[in-house]
PDB file of N, CA and C in Angstrom:
ATOM      1  N   MET A   1     102.891  79.526 105.669  1.00  0.00           N
ATOM      2  CA  MET A   1     103.157  79.847 106.814  1.00  0.00           C
ATOM      3  C   MET A   1     102.803  81.742 106.073  1.00  0.00           C
ATOM      4  N   CYS A   2     100.948  81.190 106.754  1.00  0.00           N
ATOM      5  CA  CYS A   2     100.451  82.890 105.694  1.00  0.00           C
ATOM      6  C   CYS A   2     100.387  84.136 106.866  1.00  0.00           C
ATOM      7  N   ILE A   3     100.861  84.999 106.322  1.00  0.00           N
ATOM      8  CA  ILE A   3     100.753  86.417 107.461  1.00  0.00           C
ATOM      9  C   ILE A   3      99.543  87.127 106.240  1.00  0.00           C
ATOM     10  N   THR A   4      99.304  88.457 107.539  1.00  0.00           N
ATOM     11  CA  THR A   4      98.382  89.187 107.062  1.00  0.00           C
ATOM     12  C   THR A   4      99.024  90.585 107.697  1.00  0.00           C
ATOM     13  N   PHE A   5      98.973  91.331 106.292  1.00  0.00           N
ATOM     14  CA  PHE A   5      99.918  92.779 106.527  1.00  0.00           C
ATOM     15  C   PHE A   5      98.255  93.871 106.134  1.00  0.00           C
ATOM     16  N   GLN A   6      98.481  94.767 107.740  1.00  0.00           N
ATOM     17  CA  GLN A   6      97.071  95.841 107.211  1.00  0.00           C
ATOM     18  C   GLN A   6      98.443  96.744 106.945  1.00  0.00           C
ATOM     19  N   ILE A   7      97.814  97.797 106.183  1.00  0.00           N
ATOM     20  CA  ILE A   7      97.732  99.609 104.989  1.00  0.00           C
ATOM     21  C   ILE A   7      97.654 100.672 105.984  1.00  0.00           C
ATOM     22  N   LEU A   8      98.333 101.045 106.564  1.00  0.00           N
ATOM     23  CA  LEU A   8      96.658 102.492 107.526  1.00  0.00           C
ATOM     24  C   LEU A   8      97.195 103.479 106.692  1.00  0.00           C
ATOM     25  N   ASN A   9      96.371 104.302 106.564  1.00  0.00           N
ATOM     26  CA  ASN A   9      96.614 105.675 106.424  1.00  0.00           C
ATOM     27  C   ASN A   9      96.641 106.025 105.415  1.00  0.00           C
ATOM     28  N   VAL A  10      96.299 104.867 104.212  1.00  0.00           N
ATOM     29  CA  VAL A  10      95.350 105.639 103.089  1.00  0.00           C
ATOM     30  C   VAL A  10      94.751 106.404 102.744  1.00  0.00           C
ATOM     31  N   TYR A  11      94.803 107.080 101.024  1.00  0.00           N
ATOM     32  CA  TYR A  11      93.698 107.886 100.516  1.00  0.00           C
ATOM     33  C   TYR A  11      92.334 107.174 100.111  1.00  0.00           C
ATOM     34  N   TYR A  12      92.125 108.680 100.582  1.00  0.00           N
ATOM     35  CA  TYR A  12      90.186 107.830 100.375  1.00  0.00           C
ATOM     36  C   TYR A  12      89.925 109.044  99.457  1.00  0.00           C
ATOM     37  N   ILE A  13      88.998 108.539  98.257  1.00  0.00           N
ATOM     38  CA  ILE A  13      88.374 109.236  97.077  1.00  0.00           C
ATOM     39  C   ILE A  13      87.413 108.353  97.600  1.00  0.00           C
ATOM     40  N   SER A  14      86.244 109.595  98.017  1.00  0.00           N
ATOM     41  CA  SER A  14      84.850 108.978  97.347  1.00  0.00           C
ATOM     42  C   SER A  14      84.585 109.000  96.593  1.00  0.00           C
ATOM     43  N   ASN A  15      83.595 108.031  95.964  1.00  0.00           N
ATOM     44  CA  ASN A  15      82.535 107.740  94.844  1.00  0.00           C
ATOM     45  C   ASN A  15      83.376 107.080  93.521  1.00  0.00           C
ATOM     46  N   ILE A  16      84.487 107.352  93.888  1.00  0.00           N
ATOM     47  CA  ILE A  16      85.811 105.544  93.568  1.00  0.00           C
ATOM     48  C   ILE A  16      85.135 104.474  93.029  1.00  0.00           C
ATOM     49  N   LYS A  17      85.051 103.670  91.751  1.00  0.00           N
ATOM     50  CA  LYS A  17      84.394 102.640  91.195  1.00  0.00           C
ATOM     51  C   LYS A  17      85.739 101.716  91.770  1.00  0.00           C
ATOM     52  N   ASN A  18      87.198 102.194  91.933  1.00  0.00           N
ATOM     53  CA  ASN A  18      87.732 100.622  91.902  1.00  0.00           C
ATOM     54  C   ASN A  18      88.624 101.231  93.333  1.00  0.00           C
ATOM     55  N   ASP A  19      89.334 100.333  93.775  1.00  0.00           N
ATOM     56  CA  ASP A  19      89.798 100.278  94.919  1.00  0.00           C
ATOM     57  C   ASP A  19      91.286 100.735  94.537  1.00  0.00           C
ATOM     58  N   ILE A  20      92.235 101.409  95.211  1.00  0.00           N
ATOM     59  CA  ILE A  20      93.837 101.624  94.459  1.00  0.00           C
ATOM     60  C   ILE A  20      94.045 101.892  95.523  1.00  0.00           C
ATOM     61  N   LEU A  21      95.854 102.399  95.522  1.00  0.00           N
ATOM     62  CA  LEU A  21      96.164 102.718  96.675  1.00  0.00           C
ATOM     63  C   LEU A  21      97.991 103.660  95.799  1.00  0.00           C
ATOM     64  N   SER A  22      98.423 104.383  96.170  1.00  0.00           N
ATOM     65  CA  SER A  22      99.052 105.405  95.516  1.00  0.00           C
ATOM     66  C   SER A  22     100.391 104.747  96.178  1.00  0.00           C
ATOM     67  N   LEU A  23     101.528 104.734  94.710  1.00  0.00           N
ATOM     68  CA  LEU A  23     102.753 103.473  94.933  1.00  0.00           C
ATOM     69  C   LEU A  23     103.628 104.579  95.496  1.00  0.00           C
ATOM     70  N   GLY A  24     103.426 105.637  95.383  1.00  0.00           N
ATOM     71  CA  GLY A  24     104.471 106.815  96.289  1.00  0.00           C
ATOM     72  C   GLY A  24     103.999 107.080  97.931  1.00  0.00           C
ATOM     73  N   GLN A  25     102.805 106.405  98.018  1.00  0.00           N
ATOM     74  CA  GLN A  25     101.774 106.529  98.914  1.00  0.00           C
ATOM     75  C   GLN A  25     103.079 105.373 100.308  1.00  0.00           C
ATOM     76  N   LEU A  26     103.327 103.966  98.446  1.00  0.00           N
ATOM     77  CA  LEU A  26     103.779 102.802 100.073  1.00  0.00           C
ATOM     78  C   LEU A  26     105.182 102.402  99.873  1.00  0.00           C
ATOM     79  N   LEU A  27     106.228 103.404  99.053  1.00  0.00           N
ATOM     80  CA  LEU A  27     107.303 103.689  98.827  1.00  0.00           C
ATOM     81  C   LEU A  27     107.854 104.659 100.137  1.00  0.00           C
ATOM     82  N   LEU A  28     106.421 105.813 100.681  1.00  0.00           N
ATOM     83  CA  LEU A  28     107.321 106.631 102.310  1.00  0.00           C
ATOM     84  C   LEU A  28     107.234 105.238 102.628  1.00  0.00           C
ATOM     85  N   ILE A  29     106.305 104.452 103.757  1.00  0.00           N
ATOM     86  CA  ILE A  29     105.770 104.040 104.445  1.00  0.00           C
ATOM     87  C   ILE A  29     106.742 102.177 104.448  1.00  0.00           C
ATOM     88  N   GLY A  30     107.914 102.583 103.506  1.00  0.00           N
ATOM     89  CA  GLY A  30     108.387 101.623 103.251  1.00  0.00           C
ATOM     90  C   GLY A  30     108.404  99.782 102.390  1.00  0.00           C
ATOM     91  N   TYR A  31     107.009  99.772 101.817  1.00  0.00           N
ATOM     92  CA  TYR A  31     107.108  99.364 100.651  1.00  0.00           C
ATOM     93  C   TYR A  31     107.930  99.237  99.659  1.00  0.00           C
ATOM     94  N   ASP A  32     108.295  98.056  99.111  1.00  0.00           N
ATOM     95  CA  ASP A  32     109.699  97.915  98.333  1.00  0.00           C
ATOM     96  C   ASP A  32     108.661  98.014  96.344  1.00  0.00           C
ATOM     97  N   ILE A  33     108.900  98.108  95.558  1.00  0.00           N
ATOM     98  CA  ILE A  33     108.194  98.038  94.782  1.00  0.00           C
ATOM     99  C   ILE A  33     108.719  98.170  93.226  1.00  0.00           C
ATOM    100  N   HIS A  34     108.419  97.181  92.296  1.00  0.00           N
ATOM    101  CA  HIS A  34     109.500  96.959  91.744  1.00  0.00           C
ATOM    102  C   HIS A  34     108.818  96.271  90.106  1.00  0.00           C
ATOM    103  N   MET A  35     109.641  96.424  89.084  1.00  0.00           N
ATOM    104  CA  MET A  35     108.574  95.726  87.859  1.00  0.00           C
ATOM    105  C   MET A  35     110.056  94.004  87.783  1.00  0.00           C
ATOM    106  N   GLU A  36     109.684  93.352  87.109  1.00  0.00           N
ATOM    107  CA  GLU A  36     109.945  92.126  86.434  1.00  0.00           C
ATOM    108  C   GLU A  36     110.017  91.856  85.450  1.00  0.00           C
ATOM    109  N   GLY A  37     110.439  91.228  83.884  1.00  0.00           N
ATOM    110  CA  GLY A  37     109.714  90.034  83.201  1.00  0.00           C
ATOM    111  C   GLY A  37     108.478  90.622  83.129  1.00  0.00           C
ATOM    112  N   LEU A  38     107.890  90.286  83.195  1.00  0.00           N
ATOM    113  CA  LEU A  38     106.358  91.158  83.094  1.00  0.00           C
ATOM    114  C   LEU A  38     105.268  91.311  84.323  1.00  0.00           C
ATOM    115  N   SER A  39     106.264  91.225  85.209  1.00  0.00           N
ATOM    116  CA  SER A  39     105.817  91.140  86.785  1.00  0.00           C
ATOM    117  C   SER A  39     106.282  92.385  87.390  1.00  0.00           C
ATOM    118  N   PHE A  40     104.729  92.342  88.600  1.00  0.00           N
ATOM    119  CA  PHE A  40     104.449  93.947  89.213  1.00  0.00           C
ATOM    120  C   PHE A  40     104.385  93.178  90.265  1.00  0.00           C
ATOM    121  N   PHE A  41     105.345  93.721  90.761  1.00  0.00           N
ATOM    122  CA  PHE A  41     106.195  92.895  92.624  1.00  0.00           C
ATOM    123  C   PHE A  41     106.240  93.991  93.963  1.00  0.00           C
ATOM    124  N   ILE A  42     105.618  94.520  94.619  1.00  0.00           N
ATOM    125  CA  ILE A  42     105.568  94.707  96.172  1.00  0.00           C
ATOM    126  C   ILE A  42     105.701  94.147  97.155  1.00  0.00           C
ATOM    127  N   LYS A  43     106.546  94.523  97.927  1.00  0.00           N
ATOM    128  CA  LYS A  43     107.380  93.577  99.009  1.00  0.00           C
ATOM    129  C   LYS A  43     106.918  93.961 100.186  1.00  0.00           C
ATOM    130  N   TYR A  44     107.355  93.458 101.628  1.00  0.00           N
ATOM    131  CA  TYR A  44     107.477  94.338 102.598  1.00  0.00           C
ATOM    132  C   TYR A  44     108.598  93.890 103.437  1.00  0.00           C
ATOM    133  N   GLY A  45     109.898  94.465 103.207  1.00  0.00           N
ATOM    134  CA  GLY A  45     111.147  94.115 103.818  1.00  0.00           C
ATOM    135  C   GLY A  45     111.719  93.155 102.231  1.00  0.00           C
ATOM    136  N   ARG A  46     112.366  92.263 102.991  1.00  0.00           N
ATOM    137  CA  ARG A  46     113.292  91.095 101.601  1.00  0.00           C
ATOM    138  C   ARG A  46     113.129  89.704 101.578  1.00  0.00           C
ATOM    139  N   ASN A  47     111.530  90.083 102.397  1.00  0.00           N
ATOM    140  CA  ASN A  47     111.692  88.047 102.407  1.00  0.00           C
ATOM    141  C   ASN A  47     110.641  88.377 102.284  1.00  0.00           C
ATOM    142  N   TYR A  48     109.204  89.581 102.690  1.00  0.00           N
ATOM    143  CA  TYR A  48     107.646  88.966 102.532  1.00  0.00           C
ATOM    144  C   TYR A  48     107.072  90.137 100.999  1.00  0.00           C
ATOM    145  N   LEU A  49     106.506  88.414 100.177  1.00  0.00           N
ATOM    146  CA  LEU A  49     106.067  89.230  99.255  1.00  0.00           C
ATOM    147  C   LEU A  49     104.459  89.466  99.487  1.00  0.00           C
ATOM    148  N   ILE A  50     104.149  90.936  99.090  1.00  0.00           N
ATOM    149  CA  ILE A  50     102.929  91.044  98.844  1.00  0.00           C
ATOM    150  C   ILE A  50     101.724  90.929  97.829  1.00  0.00           C
ATOM    151  N   ILE A  51     102.273  91.694  97.363  1.00  0.00           N
ATOM    152  CA  ILE A  51     101.463  91.204  95.384  1.00  0.00           C
ATOM    153  C   ILE A  51     102.345  90.551  94.700  1.00  0.00           C
ATOM    154  N   LYS A  52     101.975  90.245  93.527  1.00  0.00           N
ATOM    155  CA  LYS A  52     102.740  89.721  92.174  1.00  0.00           C
ATOM    156  C   LYS A  52     101.815  89.320  91.251  1.00  0.00           C
ATOM    157  N   ALA A  53     102.288  90.617  90.299  1.00  0.00           N
ATOM    158  CA  ALA A  53     100.855  90.321  89.688  1.00  0.00           C
ATOM    159  C   ALA A  53     101.439  90.477  88.215  1.00  0.00           C
ATOM    160  N   PRO A  54     100.331  90.356  87.106  1.00  0.00           N
ATOM    161  CA  PRO A  54     101.085  90.092  85.908  1.00  0.00           C
ATOM    162  C   PRO A  54     100.486  91.110  85.147  1.00  0.00           C
ATOM    163  N   MET A  55     101.612  92.129  84.228  1.00  0.00           N
ATOM    164  CA  MET A  55     101.267  92.882  83.463  1.00  0.00           C
ATOM    165  C   MET A  55     100.518  93.208  81.652  1.00  0.00           C
TER     166      MET A  55
END
């Protein structure tokens, strides 16, 4: 099963070379952000893993 998430109302910075997301902004809209071992996780609720990235 694949679920698509859309993150709305993100900050836009013109002329930036990389896309970024503000961790504080994600926390304010209800995402769970944590680090475990050598991995970084962003989840929505308890069941939906959005990102798992190595550090």
